[in-house]
Amino acid sequence: MKRIYVAGPYSANNVMDVLRNIRYGIETSTKVLLAGFAPFCPWLDYHFVLSDHSEKLIVKDFYDYSLAWLEVSDAMLVLRGWQKSKGTLAEIERAKELDIPIYYELSALIKNES
């Protein structure tokens, strides 16, 4: 099963847009799973904040954790809105450095990685 790093915007200027980003990321990651891949879904990171140890976490912990998964991924799927996401832009650059294939459409990922 190929590992697919799903990248896209998480944060936003208001809570409603953050929640919409989370929903879209989880929905798309589910589609990646249903297509037969093993997705890494960074929108599920909020679970760590619900733990008893969340006060020990800083934003950099999440970035480092995500990049560790990106570095062992077989491909990357980038979701809409990536152009305005500093985190996603950095992830795209890292994927390029590692020669990880980058896709901007789920259909292209399925066609080329199945």
PDB file of N, CA and C in Angstrom:
ATOM      1  N   MET A   1       0.859  -1.176   0.000  1.00  0.00           N
ATOM      2  CA  MET A   1       0.000   0.000   0.000  1.00  0.00           C
ATOM      3  C   MET A   1       0.907   1.241   0.000  1.00  0.00           C
ATOM      4  N   LYS A   2       0.701   2.104  -0.976  1.00  0.00           N
ATOM      5  CA  LYS A   2       1.518   3.314  -1.068  1.00  0.00           C
ATOM      6  C   LYS A   2       1.064   4.352  -0.048  1.00  0.00           C
ATOM      7  N   ARG A   3       2.060   5.020   0.536  1.00  0.00           N
ATOM      8  CA  ARG A   3       1.799   6.077   1.518  1.00  0.00           C
ATOM      9  C   ARG A   3       1.661   7.414   0.793  1.00  0.00           C
ATOM     10  N   ILE A   4       0.548   8.082   1.026  1.00  0.00           N
ATOM     11  CA  ILE A   4       0.270   9.355   0.369  1.00  0.00           C
ATOM     12  C   ILE A   4       0.163  10.454   1.426  1.00  0.00           C
ATOM     13  N   TYR A   5       0.991  11.463   1.283  1.00  0.00           N
ATOM     14  CA  TYR A   5       0.941  12.620   2.177  1.00  0.00           C
ATOM     15  C   TYR A   5      -0.075  13.596   1.597  1.00  0.00           C
ATOM     16  N   VAL A   6      -1.124  13.870   2.337  1.00  0.00           N
ATOM     17  CA  VAL A   6      -2.161  14.798   1.875  1.00  0.00           C
ATOM     18  C   VAL A   6      -1.858  16.157   2.503  1.00  0.00           C
ATOM     19  N   ALA A   7      -1.667  17.152   1.652  1.00  0.00           N
ATOM     20  CA  ALA A   7      -1.260  18.480   2.113  1.00  0.00           C
ATOM     21  C   ALA A   7      -2.288  19.524   1.685  1.00  0.00           C
ATOM     22  N   GLY A   8      -2.441  20.530   2.513  1.00  0.00           N
ATOM     23  CA  GLY A   8      -3.346  21.621   2.186  1.00  0.00           C
ATOM     24  C   GLY A   8      -3.510  22.527   3.385  1.00  0.00           C
ATOM     25  N   PRO A   9      -4.270  23.583   3.225  1.00  0.00           N
ATOM     26  CA  PRO A   9      -4.428  24.540   4.317  1.00  0.00           C
ATOM     27  C   PRO A   9      -5.156  23.960   5.523  1.00  0.00           C
ATOM     28  N   TYR A  10      -4.702  24.355   6.674  1.00  0.00           N
ATOM     29  CA  TYR A  10      -5.317  23.964   7.950  1.00  0.00           C
ATOM     30  C   TYR A  10      -5.823  25.231   8.640  1.00  0.00           C
ATOM     31  N   SER A  11      -4.920  26.129   8.930  1.00  0.00           N
ATOM     32  CA  SER A  11      -5.302  27.350   9.642  1.00  0.00           C
ATOM     33  C   SER A  11      -6.027  28.317   8.701  1.00  0.00           C
ATOM     34  N   ALA A  12      -6.684  29.298   9.316  1.00  0.00           N
ATOM     35  CA  ALA A  12      -7.434  30.306   8.569  1.00  0.00           C
ATOM     36  C   ALA A  12      -7.642  31.510   9.479  1.00  0.00           C
ATOM     37  N   ASN A  13      -8.306  32.516   8.959  1.00  0.00           N
ATOM     38  CA  ASN A  13      -8.535  33.745   9.719  1.00  0.00           C
ATOM     39  C   ASN A  13      -9.677  33.639  10.725  1.00  0.00           C
ATOM     40  N   ASN A  14     -10.480  32.580  10.626  1.00  0.00           N
ATOM     41  CA  ASN A  14     -11.588  32.426  11.565  1.00  0.00           C
ATOM     42  C   ASN A  14     -11.847  30.946  11.783  1.00  0.00           C
ATOM     43  N   VAL A  15     -12.514  30.641  12.858  1.00  0.00           N
ATOM     44  CA  VAL A  15     -12.733  29.254  13.266  1.00  0.00           C
ATOM     45  C   VAL A  15     -13.577  28.483  12.252  1.00  0.00           C
ATOM     46  N   MET A  16     -14.519  29.140  11.621  1.00  0.00           N
ATOM     47  CA  MET A  16     -15.360  28.433  10.647  1.00  0.00           C
ATOM     48  C   MET A  16     -14.538  27.950   9.454  1.00  0.00           C
ATOM     49  N   ASP A  17     -13.621  28.779   8.981  1.00  0.00           N
ATOM     50  CA  ASP A  17     -12.776  28.366   7.861  1.00  0.00           C
ATOM     51  C   ASP A  17     -11.781  27.291   8.282  1.00  0.00           C
ATOM     52  N   VAL A  18     -11.301  27.341   9.522  1.00  0.00           N
ATOM     53  CA  VAL A  18     -10.438  26.263  10.028  1.00  0.00           C
ATOM     54  C   VAL A  18     -11.214  24.950  10.005  1.00  0.00           C
ATOM     55  N   LEU A  19     -12.442  24.970  10.503  1.00  0.00           N
ATOM     56  CA  LEU A  19     -13.264  23.763  10.522  1.00  0.00           C
ATOM     57  C   LEU A  19     -13.565  23.264   9.112  1.00  0.00           C
ATOM     58  N   ARG A  20     -13.792  24.184   8.180  1.00  0.00           N
ATOM     59  CA  ARG A  20     -14.018  23.782   6.784  1.00  0.00           C
ATOM     60  C   ARG A  20     -12.761  23.130   6.203  1.00  0.00           C
ATOM     61  N   ASN A  21     -11.592  23.686   6.520  1.00  0.00           N
ATOM     62  CA  ASN A  21     -10.334  23.092   6.054  1.00  0.00           C
ATOM     63  C   ASN A  21     -10.155  21.686   6.624  1.00  0.00           C
ATOM     64  N   ILE A  22     -10.466  21.536   7.903  1.00  0.00           N
ATOM     65  CA  ILE A  22     -10.353  20.215   8.542  1.00  0.00           C
ATOM     66  C   ILE A  22     -11.300  19.226   7.859  1.00  0.00           C
ATOM     67  N   ARG A  23     -12.514  19.644   7.645  1.00  0.00           N
ATOM     68  CA  ARG A  23     -13.500  18.758   7.001  1.00  0.00           C
ATOM     69  C   ARG A  23     -13.040  18.339   5.611  1.00  0.00           C
ATOM     70  N   TYR A  24     -12.604  19.294   4.810  1.00  0.00           N
ATOM     71  CA  TYR A  24     -12.165  18.993   3.446  1.00  0.00           C
ATOM     72  C   TYR A  24     -10.941  18.075   3.454  1.00  0.00           C
ATOM     73  N   GLY A  25     -10.015  18.331   4.348  1.00  0.00           N
ATOM     74  CA  GLY A  25      -8.823  17.485   4.442  1.00  0.00           C
ATOM     75  C   GLY A  25      -9.153  16.063   4.843  1.00  0.00           C
ATOM     76  N   ILE A  26     -10.034  15.908   5.817  1.00  0.00           N
ATOM     77  CA  ILE A  26     -10.422  14.566   6.263  1.00  0.00           C
ATOM     78  C   ILE A  26     -11.235  13.855   5.175  1.00  0.00           C
ATOM     79  N   GLU A  27     -12.149  14.574   4.536  1.00  0.00           N
ATOM     80  CA  GLU A  27     -12.938  13.970   3.460  1.00  0.00           C
ATOM     81  C   GLU A  27     -12.046  13.481   2.324  1.00  0.00           C
ATOM     82  N   THR A  28     -11.093  14.313   1.926  1.00  0.00           N
ATOM     83  CA  THR A  28     -10.212  13.928   0.828  1.00  0.00           C
ATOM     84  C   THR A  28      -9.301  12.781   1.239  1.00  0.00           C
ATOM     85  N   SER A  29      -8.792  12.811   2.454  1.00  0.00           N
ATOM     86  CA  SER A  29      -7.953  11.713   2.941  1.00  0.00           C
ATOM     87  C   SER A  29      -8.728  10.402   2.967  1.00  0.00           C
ATOM     88  N   THR A  30     -10.006  10.467   3.292  1.00  0.00           N
ATOM     89  CA  THR A  30     -10.852   9.277   3.266  1.00  0.00           C
ATOM     90  C   THR A  30     -10.980   8.743   1.842  1.00  0.00           C
ATOM     91  N   LYS A  31     -11.132   9.625   0.875  1.00  0.00           N
ATOM     92  CA  LYS A  31     -11.193   9.207  -0.526  1.00  0.00           C
ATOM     93  C   LYS A  31      -9.877   8.548  -0.953  1.00  0.00           C
ATOM     94  N   VAL A  32      -8.765   9.071  -0.467  1.00  0.00           N
ATOM     95  CA  VAL A  32      -7.456   8.478  -0.769  1.00  0.00           C
ATOM     96  C   VAL A  32      -7.391   7.061  -0.194  1.00  0.00           C
ATOM     97  N   LEU A  33      -7.874   6.893   1.029  1.00  0.00           N
ATOM     98  CA  LEU A  33      -7.911   5.570   1.656  1.00  0.00           C
ATOM     99  C   LEU A  33      -8.812   4.617   0.861  1.00  0.00           C
ATOM    100  N   LEU A  34      -9.975   5.095   0.466  1.00  0.00           N
ATOM    101  CA  LEU A  34     -10.906   4.266  -0.297  1.00  0.00           C
ATOM    102  C   LEU A  34     -10.354   3.897  -1.674  1.00  0.00           C
ATOM    103  N   ALA A  35      -9.409   4.705  -2.188  1.00  0.00           N
ATOM    104  CA  ALA A  35      -8.776   4.414  -3.478  1.00  0.00           C
ATOM    105  C   ALA A  35      -7.654   3.387  -3.339  1.00  0.00           C
ATOM    106  N   GLY A  36      -7.405   2.940  -2.105  1.00  0.00           N
ATOM    107  CA  GLY A  36      -6.424   1.881  -1.898  1.00  0.00           C
ATOM    108  C   GLY A  36      -5.056   2.338  -1.437  1.00  0.00           C
ATOM    109  N   PHE A  37      -4.959   3.576  -0.984  1.00  0.00           N
ATOM    110  CA  PHE A  37      -3.696   4.118  -0.494  1.00  0.00           C
ATOM    111  C   PHE A  37      -3.737   4.277   1.024  1.00  0.00           C
ATOM    112  N   ALA A  38      -2.572   4.523   1.611  1.00  0.00           N
ATOM    113  CA  ALA A  38      -2.469   4.806   3.044  1.00  0.00           C
ATOM    114  C   ALA A  38      -2.183   6.301   3.205  1.00  0.00           C
ATOM    115  N   PRO A  39      -3.207   7.108   3.468  1.00  0.00           N
ATOM    116  CA  PRO A  39      -2.996   8.552   3.560  1.00  0.00           C
ATOM    117  C   PRO A  39      -2.472   9.001   4.924  1.00  0.00           C
ATOM    118  N   PHE A  40      -1.625  10.018   4.911  1.00  0.00           N
ATOM    119  CA  PHE A  40      -1.301  10.747   6.128  1.00  0.00           C
ATOM    120  C   PHE A  40      -2.185  11.980   6.107  1.00  0.00           C
ATOM    121  N   CYS A  41      -3.001  12.142   7.126  1.00  0.00           N
ATOM    122  CA  CYS A  41      -4.003  13.215   7.190  1.00  0.00           C
ATOM    123  C   CYS A  41      -3.659  14.177   8.331  1.00  0.00           C
ATOM    124  N   PRO A  42      -2.962  15.276   8.046  1.00  0.00           N
ATOM    125  CA  PRO A  42      -2.577  16.202   9.120  1.00  0.00           C
ATOM    126  C   PRO A  42      -3.752  16.894   9.810  1.00  0.00           C
ATOM    127  N   TRP A  43      -4.927  16.845   9.218  1.00  0.00           N
ATOM    128  CA  TRP A  43      -6.095  17.482   9.847  1.00  0.00           C
ATOM    129  C   TRP A  43      -6.577  16.704  11.061  1.00  0.00           C
ATOM    130  N   LEU A  44      -6.047  15.519  11.257  1.00  0.00           N
ATOM    131  CA  LEU A  44      -6.383  14.757  12.463  1.00  0.00           C
ATOM    132  C   LEU A  44      -5.474  15.115  13.640  1.00  0.00           C
ATOM    133  N   ASP A  45      -4.526  16.011  13.423  1.00  0.00           N
ATOM    134  CA  ASP A  45      -3.606  16.420  14.490  1.00  0.00           C
ATOM    135  C   ASP A  45      -4.310  17.034  15.688  1.00  0.00           C
ATOM    136  N   TYR A  46      -5.505  17.534  15.484  1.00  0.00           N
ATOM    137  CA  TYR A  46      -6.215  18.156  16.606  1.00  0.00           C
ATOM    138  C   TYR A  46      -6.412  17.170  17.755  1.00  0.00           C
ATOM    139  N   HIS A  47      -6.369  15.885  17.466  1.00  0.00           N
ATOM    140  CA  HIS A  47      -6.521  14.886  18.527  1.00  0.00           C
ATOM    141  C   HIS A  47      -5.431  15.018  19.593  1.00  0.00           C
ATOM    142  N   PHE A  48      -4.240  15.401  19.164  1.00  0.00           N
ATOM    143  CA  PHE A  48      -3.151  15.565  20.129  1.00  0.00           C
ATOM    144  C   PHE A  48      -3.459  16.689  21.124  1.00  0.00           C
ATOM    145  N   VAL A  49      -4.158  17.694  20.663  1.00  0.00           N
ATOM    146  CA  VAL A  49      -4.493  18.833  21.520  1.00  0.00           C
ATOM    147  C   VAL A  49      -5.535  18.440  22.563  1.00  0.00           C
ATOM    148  N   LEU A  50      -6.254  17.380  22.320  1.00  0.00           N
ATOM    149  CA  LEU A  50      -7.267  16.907  23.267  1.00  0.00           C
ATOM    150  C   LEU A  50      -6.675  16.055  24.390  1.00  0.00           C
ATOM    151  N   SER A  51      -5.389  15.743  24.299  1.00  0.00           N
ATOM    152  CA  SER A  51      -4.760  14.889  25.308  1.00  0.00           C
ATOM    153  C   SER A  51      -4.418  15.680  26.573  1.00  0.00           C
ATOM    154  N   ASP A  52      -4.120  14.947  27.629  1.00  0.00           N
ATOM    155  CA  ASP A  52      -3.734  15.571  28.893  1.00  0.00           C
ATOM    156  C   ASP A  52      -2.364  16.248  28.822  1.00  0.00           C
ATOM    157  N   HIS A  53      -1.610  15.970  27.776  1.00  0.00           N
ATOM    158  CA  HIS A  53      -0.255  16.507  27.658  1.00  0.00           C
ATOM    159  C   HIS A  53      -0.149  17.610  26.610  1.00  0.00           C
ATOM    160  N   SER A  54      -1.259  18.112  26.161  1.00  0.00           N
ATOM    161  CA  SER A  54      -1.266  19.072  25.058  1.00  0.00           C
ATOM    162  C   SER A  54      -0.525  20.369  25.386  1.00  0.00           C
ATOM    163  N   GLU A  55      -0.467  20.745  26.650  1.00  0.00           N
ATOM    164  CA  GLU A  55       0.215  21.999  27.004  1.00  0.00           C
ATOM    165  C   GLU A  55       1.709  21.925  26.726  1.00  0.00           C
ATOM    166  N   LYS A  56       2.241  20.731  26.537  1.00  0.00           N
ATOM    167  CA  LYS A  56       3.661  20.562  26.232  1.00  0.00           C
ATOM    168  C   LYS A  56       3.955  20.704  24.744  1.00  0.00           C
ATOM    169  N   LEU A  57       2.928  20.703  23.923  1.00  0.00           N
ATOM    170  CA  LEU A  57       3.112  20.777  22.474  1.00  0.00           C
ATOM    171  C   LEU A  57       3.195  22.216  21.993  1.00  0.00           C
ATOM    172  N   ILE A  58       4.049  22.423  20.991  1.00  0.00           N
ATOM    173  CA  ILE A  58       4.128  23.719  20.314  1.00  0.00           C
ATOM    174  C   ILE A  58       3.908  23.470  18.825  1.00  0.00           C
ATOM    175  N   VAL A  59       3.634  24.505  18.079  1.00  0.00           N
ATOM    176  CA  VAL A  59       3.343  24.376  16.654  1.00  0.00           C
ATOM    177  C   VAL A  59       4.464  23.653  15.919  1.00  0.00           C
ATOM    178  N   LYS A  60       5.707  23.934  16.270  1.00  0.00           N
ATOM    179  CA  LYS A  60       6.842  23.289  15.614  1.00  0.00           C
ATOM    180  C   LYS A  60       6.802  21.769  15.759  1.00  0.00           C
ATOM    181  N   ASP A  61       6.278  21.275  16.868  1.00  0.00           N
ATOM    182  CA  ASP A  61       6.132  19.819  17.045  1.00  0.00           C
ATOM    183  C   ASP A  61       5.257  19.226  15.937  1.00  0.00           C
ATOM    184  N   PHE A  62       4.197  19.921  15.593  1.00  0.00           N
ATOM    185  CA  PHE A  62       3.306  19.443  14.544  1.00  0.00           C
ATOM    186  C   PHE A  62       3.979  19.501  13.179  1.00  0.00           C
ATOM    187  N   TYR A  63       4.705  20.574  12.911  1.00  0.00           N
ATOM    188  CA  TYR A  63       5.419  20.683  11.634  1.00  0.00           C
ATOM    189  C   TYR A  63       6.462  19.578  11.500  1.00  0.00           C
ATOM    190  N   ASP A  64       7.235  19.364  12.553  1.00  0.00           N
ATOM    191  CA  ASP A  64       8.276  18.327  12.508  1.00  0.00           C
ATOM    192  C   ASP A  64       7.672  16.939  12.335  1.00  0.00           C
ATOM    193  N   TYR A  65       6.606  16.673  13.039  1.00  0.00           N
ATOM    194  CA  TYR A  65       5.906  15.388  12.957  1.00  0.00           C
ATOM    195  C   TYR A  65       5.389  15.156  11.533  1.00  0.00           C
ATOM    196  N   SER A  66       4.773  16.180  10.957  1.00  0.00           N
ATOM    197  CA  SER A  66       4.253  16.056   9.595  1.00  0.00           C
ATOM    198  C   SER A  66       5.371  15.828   8.594  1.00  0.00           C
ATOM    199  N   LEU A  67       6.445  16.582   8.704  1.00  0.00           N
ATOM    200  CA  LEU A  67       7.562  16.418   7.763  1.00  0.00           C
ATOM    201  C   LEU A  67       8.191  15.035   7.860  1.00  0.00           C
ATOM    202  N   ALA A  68       8.215  14.462   9.044  1.00  0.00           N
ATOM    203  CA  ALA A  68       8.747  13.102   9.191  1.00  0.00           C
ATOM    204  C   ALA A  68       7.918  12.123   8.367  1.00  0.00           C
ATOM    205  N   TRP A  69       6.606  12.316   8.319  1.00  0.00           N
ATOM    206  CA  TRP A  69       5.746  11.457   7.505  1.00  0.00           C
ATOM    207  C   TRP A  69       5.914  11.763   6.022  1.00  0.00           C
ATOM    208  N   LEU A  70       6.041  13.033   5.690  1.00  0.00           N
ATOM    209  CA  LEU A  70       6.247  13.395   4.286  1.00  0.00           C
ATOM    210  C   LEU A  70       7.496  12.713   3.734  1.00  0.00           C
ATOM    211  N   GLU A  71       8.552  12.703   4.517  1.00  0.00           N
ATOM    212  CA  GLU A  71       9.841  12.179   4.055  1.00  0.00           C
ATOM    213  C   GLU A  71       9.821  10.683   3.760  1.00  0.00           C
ATOM    214  N   VAL A  72       8.831   9.957   4.240  1.00  0.00           N
ATOM    215  CA  VAL A  72       8.730   8.524   3.943  1.00  0.00           C
ATOM    216  C   VAL A  72       7.518   8.211   3.055  1.00  0.00           C
ATOM    217  N   SER A  73       6.926   9.246   2.489  1.00  0.00           N
ATOM    218  CA  SER A  73       5.756   9.052   1.634  1.00  0.00           C
ATOM    219  C   SER A  73       6.172   8.726   0.210  1.00  0.00           C
ATOM    220  N   ASP A  74       5.281   8.010  -0.476  1.00  0.00           N
ATOM    221  CA  ASP A  74       5.523   7.645  -1.871  1.00  0.00           C
ATOM    222  C   ASP A  74       5.063   8.725  -2.832  1.00  0.00           C
ATOM    223  N   ALA A  75       4.131   9.545  -2.394  1.00  0.00           N
ATOM    224  CA  ALA A  75       3.614  10.633  -3.228  1.00  0.00           C
ATOM    225  C   ALA A  75       2.903  11.636  -2.326  1.00  0.00           C
ATOM    226  N   MET A  76       2.627  12.796  -2.898  1.00  0.00           N
ATOM    227  CA  MET A  76       1.925  13.860  -2.180  1.00  0.00           C
ATOM    228  C   MET A  76       0.711  14.281  -2.984  1.00  0.00           C
ATOM    229  N   LEU A  77      -0.406  14.476  -2.297  1.00  0.00           N
ATOM    230  CA  LEU A  77      -1.602  15.045  -2.899  1.00  0.00           C
ATOM    231  C   LEU A  77      -1.829  16.406  -2.259  1.00  0.00           C
ATOM    232  N   VAL A  78      -1.887  17.442  -3.086  1.00  0.00           N
ATOM    233  CA  VAL A  78      -2.038  18.810  -2.596  1.00  0.00           C
ATOM    234  C   VAL A  78      -3.464  19.277  -2.870  1.00  0.00           C
ATOM    235  N   LEU A  79      -4.113  19.793  -1.829  1.00  0.00           N
ATOM    236  CA  LEU A  79      -5.513  20.220  -1.929  1.00  0.00           C
ATOM    237  C   LEU A  79      -5.634  21.694  -2.288  1.00  0.00           C
ATOM    238  N   ARG A  80      -6.799  22.055  -2.756  1.00  0.00           N
ATOM    239  CA  ARG A  80      -7.059  23.450  -3.143  1.00  0.00           C
ATOM    240  C   ARG A  80      -6.750  24.392  -1.980  1.00  0.00           C
ATOM    241  N   GLY A  81      -6.372  25.594  -2.326  1.00  0.00           N
ATOM    242  CA  GLY A  81      -6.038  26.600  -1.327  1.00  0.00           C
ATOM    243  C   GLY A  81      -4.586  26.567  -0.895  1.00  0.00           C
ATOM    244  N   TRP A  82      -3.794  25.680  -1.463  1.00  0.00           N
ATOM    245  CA  TRP A  82      -2.393  25.510  -1.060  1.00  0.00           C
ATOM    246  C   TRP A  82      -1.554  26.761  -1.283  1.00  0.00           C
ATOM    247  N   GLN A  83      -1.931  27.578  -2.259  1.00  0.00           N
ATOM    248  CA  GLN A  83      -1.124  28.749  -2.599  1.00  0.00           C
ATOM    249  C   GLN A  83      -1.007  29.740  -1.448  1.00  0.00           C
ATOM    250  N   LYS A  84      -1.990  29.742  -0.551  1.00  0.00           N
ATOM    251  CA  LYS A  84      -2.001  30.686   0.576  1.00  0.00           C
ATOM    252  C   LYS A  84      -1.532  30.056   1.882  1.00  0.00           C
ATOM    253  N   SER A  85      -1.080  28.812   1.826  1.00  0.00           N
ATOM    254  CA  SER A  85      -0.685  28.097   3.038  1.00  0.00           C
ATOM    255  C   SER A  85       0.841  28.004   3.120  1.00  0.00           C
ATOM    256  N   LYS A  86       1.426  28.732   4.077  1.00  0.00           N
ATOM    257  CA  LYS A  86       2.887  28.684   4.239  1.00  0.00           C
ATOM    258  C   LYS A  86       3.374  27.272   4.534  1.00  0.00           C
ATOM    259  N   GLY A  87       2.625  26.548   5.341  1.00  0.00           N
ATOM    260  CA  GLY A  87       3.014  25.184   5.674  1.00  0.00           C
ATOM    261  C   GLY A  87       3.005  24.279   4.461  1.00  0.00           C
ATOM    262  N   THR A  88       1.954  24.391   3.646  1.00  0.00           N
ATOM    263  CA  THR A  88       1.865  23.559   2.448  1.00  0.00           C
ATOM    264  C   THR A  88       2.951  23.923   1.448  1.00  0.00           C
ATOM    265  N   LEU A  89       3.233  25.199   1.301  1.00  0.00           N
ATOM    266  CA  LEU A  89       4.309  25.622   0.387  1.00  0.00           C
ATOM    267  C   LEU A  89       5.644  25.015   0.814  1.00  0.00           C
ATOM    268  N   ALA A  90       5.907  24.998   2.114  1.00  0.00           N
ATOM    269  CA  ALA A  90       7.146  24.394   2.614  1.00  0.00           C
ATOM    270  C   ALA A  90       7.155  22.887   2.374  1.00  0.00           C
ATOM    271  N   GLU A  91       6.011  22.247   2.540  1.00  0.00           N
ATOM    272  CA  GLU A  91       5.917  20.806   2.302  1.00  0.00           C
ATOM    273  C   GLU A  91       6.152  20.473   0.826  1.00  0.00           C
ATOM    274  N   ILE A  92       5.623  21.289  -0.061  1.00  0.00           N
ATOM    275  CA  ILE A  92       5.839  21.080  -1.493  1.00  0.00           C
ATOM    276  C   ILE A  92       7.327  21.191  -1.814  1.00  0.00           C
ATOM    277  N   GLU A  93       7.980  22.194  -1.256  1.00  0.00           N
ATOM    278  CA  GLU A  93       9.422  22.355  -1.501  1.00  0.00           C
ATOM    279  C   GLU A  93      10.208  21.147  -1.001  1.00  0.00           C
ATOM    280  N   ARG A  94       9.853  20.636   0.171  1.00  0.00           N
ATOM    281  CA  ARG A  94      10.538  19.460   0.714  1.00  0.00           C
ATOM    282  C   ARG A  94      10.288  18.239  -0.157  1.00  0.00           C
ATOM    283  N   ALA A  95       9.075  18.069  -0.632  1.00  0.00           N
ATOM    284  CA  ALA A  95       8.774  16.942  -1.513  1.00  0.00           C
ATOM    285  C   ALA A  95       9.599  17.036  -2.797  1.00  0.00           C
ATOM    286  N   LYS A  96       9.736  18.234  -3.334  1.00  0.00           N
ATOM    287  CA  LYS A  96      10.563  18.421  -4.537  1.00  0.00           C
ATOM    288  C   LYS A  96      12.015  18.042  -4.257  1.00  0.00           C
ATOM    289  N   GLU A  97      12.539  18.468  -3.107  1.00  0.00           N
ATOM    290  CA  GLU A  97      13.920  18.135  -2.732  1.00  0.00           C
ATOM    291  C   GLU A  97      14.120  16.621  -2.681  1.00  0.00           C
ATOM    292  N   LEU A  98      13.096  15.900  -2.257  1.00  0.00           N
ATOM    293  CA  LEU A  98      13.182  14.450  -2.090  1.00  0.00           C
ATOM    294  C   LEU A  98      12.700  13.682  -3.326  1.00  0.00           C
ATOM    295  N   ASP A  99      12.351  14.403  -4.395  1.00  0.00           N
ATOM    296  CA  ASP A  99      11.834  13.786  -5.627  1.00  0.00           C
ATOM    297  C   ASP A  99      10.583  12.940  -5.378  1.00  0.00           C
ATOM    298  N   ILE A 100       9.744  13.407  -4.485  1.00  0.00           N
ATOM    299  CA  ILE A 100       8.464  12.743  -4.221  1.00  0.00           C
ATOM    300  C   ILE A 100       7.457  13.293  -5.226  1.00  0.00           C
ATOM    301  N   PRO A 101       6.779  12.426  -5.963  1.00  0.00           N
ATOM    302  CA  PRO A 101       5.779  12.906  -6.931  1.00  0.00           C
ATOM    303  C   PRO A 101       4.690  13.725  -6.240  1.00  0.00           C
ATOM    304  N   ILE A 102       4.317  14.816  -6.885  1.00  0.00           N
ATOM    305  CA  ILE A 102       3.306  15.733  -6.342  1.00  0.00           C
ATOM    306  C   ILE A 102       2.122  15.774  -7.295  1.00  0.00           C
ATOM    307  N   TYR A 103       0.930  15.596  -6.741  1.00  0.00           N
ATOM    308  CA  TYR A 103      -0.305  15.630  -7.522  1.00  0.00           C
ATOM    309  C   TYR A 103      -1.237  16.689  -6.936  1.00  0.00           C
ATOM    310  N   TYR A 104      -1.980  17.328  -7.835  1.00  0.00           N
ATOM    311  CA  TYR A 104      -2.921  18.362  -7.421  1.00  0.00           C
ATOM    312  C   TYR A 104      -4.369  17.940  -7.654  1.00  0.00           C
ATOM    313  N   GLU A 105      -4.552  16.730  -8.170  1.00  0.00           N
ATOM    314  CA  GLU A 105      -5.883  16.161  -8.400  1.00  0.00           C
ATOM    315  C   GLU A 105      -5.855  14.700  -7.967  1.00  0.00           C
ATOM    316  N   LEU A 106      -6.890  14.275  -7.260  1.00  0.00           N
ATOM    317  CA  LEU A 106      -6.977  12.886  -6.823  1.00  0.00           C
ATOM    318  C   LEU A 106      -6.973  11.939  -8.016  1.00  0.00           C
ATOM    319  N   SER A 107      -7.653  12.310  -9.088  1.00  0.00           N
ATOM    320  CA  SER A 107      -7.701  11.436 -10.257  1.00  0.00           C
ATOM    321  C   SER A 107      -6.313  11.202 -10.844  1.00  0.00           C
ATOM    322  N   ALA A 108      -5.466  12.218 -10.843  1.00  0.00           N
ATOM    323  CA  ALA A 108      -4.098  12.049 -11.352  1.00  0.00           C
ATOM    324  C   ALA A 108      -3.283  11.143 -10.433  1.00  0.00           C
ATOM    325  N   LEU A 109      -3.477  11.281  -9.146  1.00  0.00           N
ATOM    326  CA  LEU A 109      -2.794  10.404  -8.182  1.00  0.00           C
ATOM    327  C   LEU A 109      -3.185   8.954  -8.432  1.00  0.00           C
ATOM    328  N   ILE A 110      -4.484   8.704  -8.552  1.00  0.00           N
ATOM    329  CA  ILE A 110      -4.972   7.341  -8.762  1.00  0.00           C
ATOM    330  C   ILE A 110      -4.426   6.783 -10.084  1.00  0.00           C
ATOM    331  N   LYS A 111      -4.463   7.574 -11.112  1.00  0.00           N
ATOM    332  CA  LYS A 111      -4.010   7.115 -12.424  1.00  0.00           C
ATOM    333  C   LYS A 111      -2.527   6.747 -12.428  1.00  0.00           C
ATOM    334  N   ASN A 112      -1.709   7.545 -11.766  1.00  0.00           N
ATOM    335  CA  ASN A 112      -0.259   7.390 -11.848  1.00  0.00           C
ATOM    336  C   ASN A 112       0.356   6.543 -10.739  1.00  0.00           C
ATOM    337  N   GLU A 113      -0.346   6.374  -9.628  1.00  0.00           N
ATOM    338  CA  GLU A 113       0.245   5.673  -8.492  1.00  0.00           C
ATOM    339  C   GLU A 113      -0.413   4.320  -8.189  1.00  0.00           C
ATOM    340  N   SER A 114      -1.505   3.999  -8.845  1.00  0.00           N
ATOM    341  CA  SER A 114      -2.186   2.712  -8.590  1.00  0.00           C
ATOM    342  C   SER A 114      -1.438   1.560  -9.237  1.00  0.00           C
TER     343      SER A 114
END
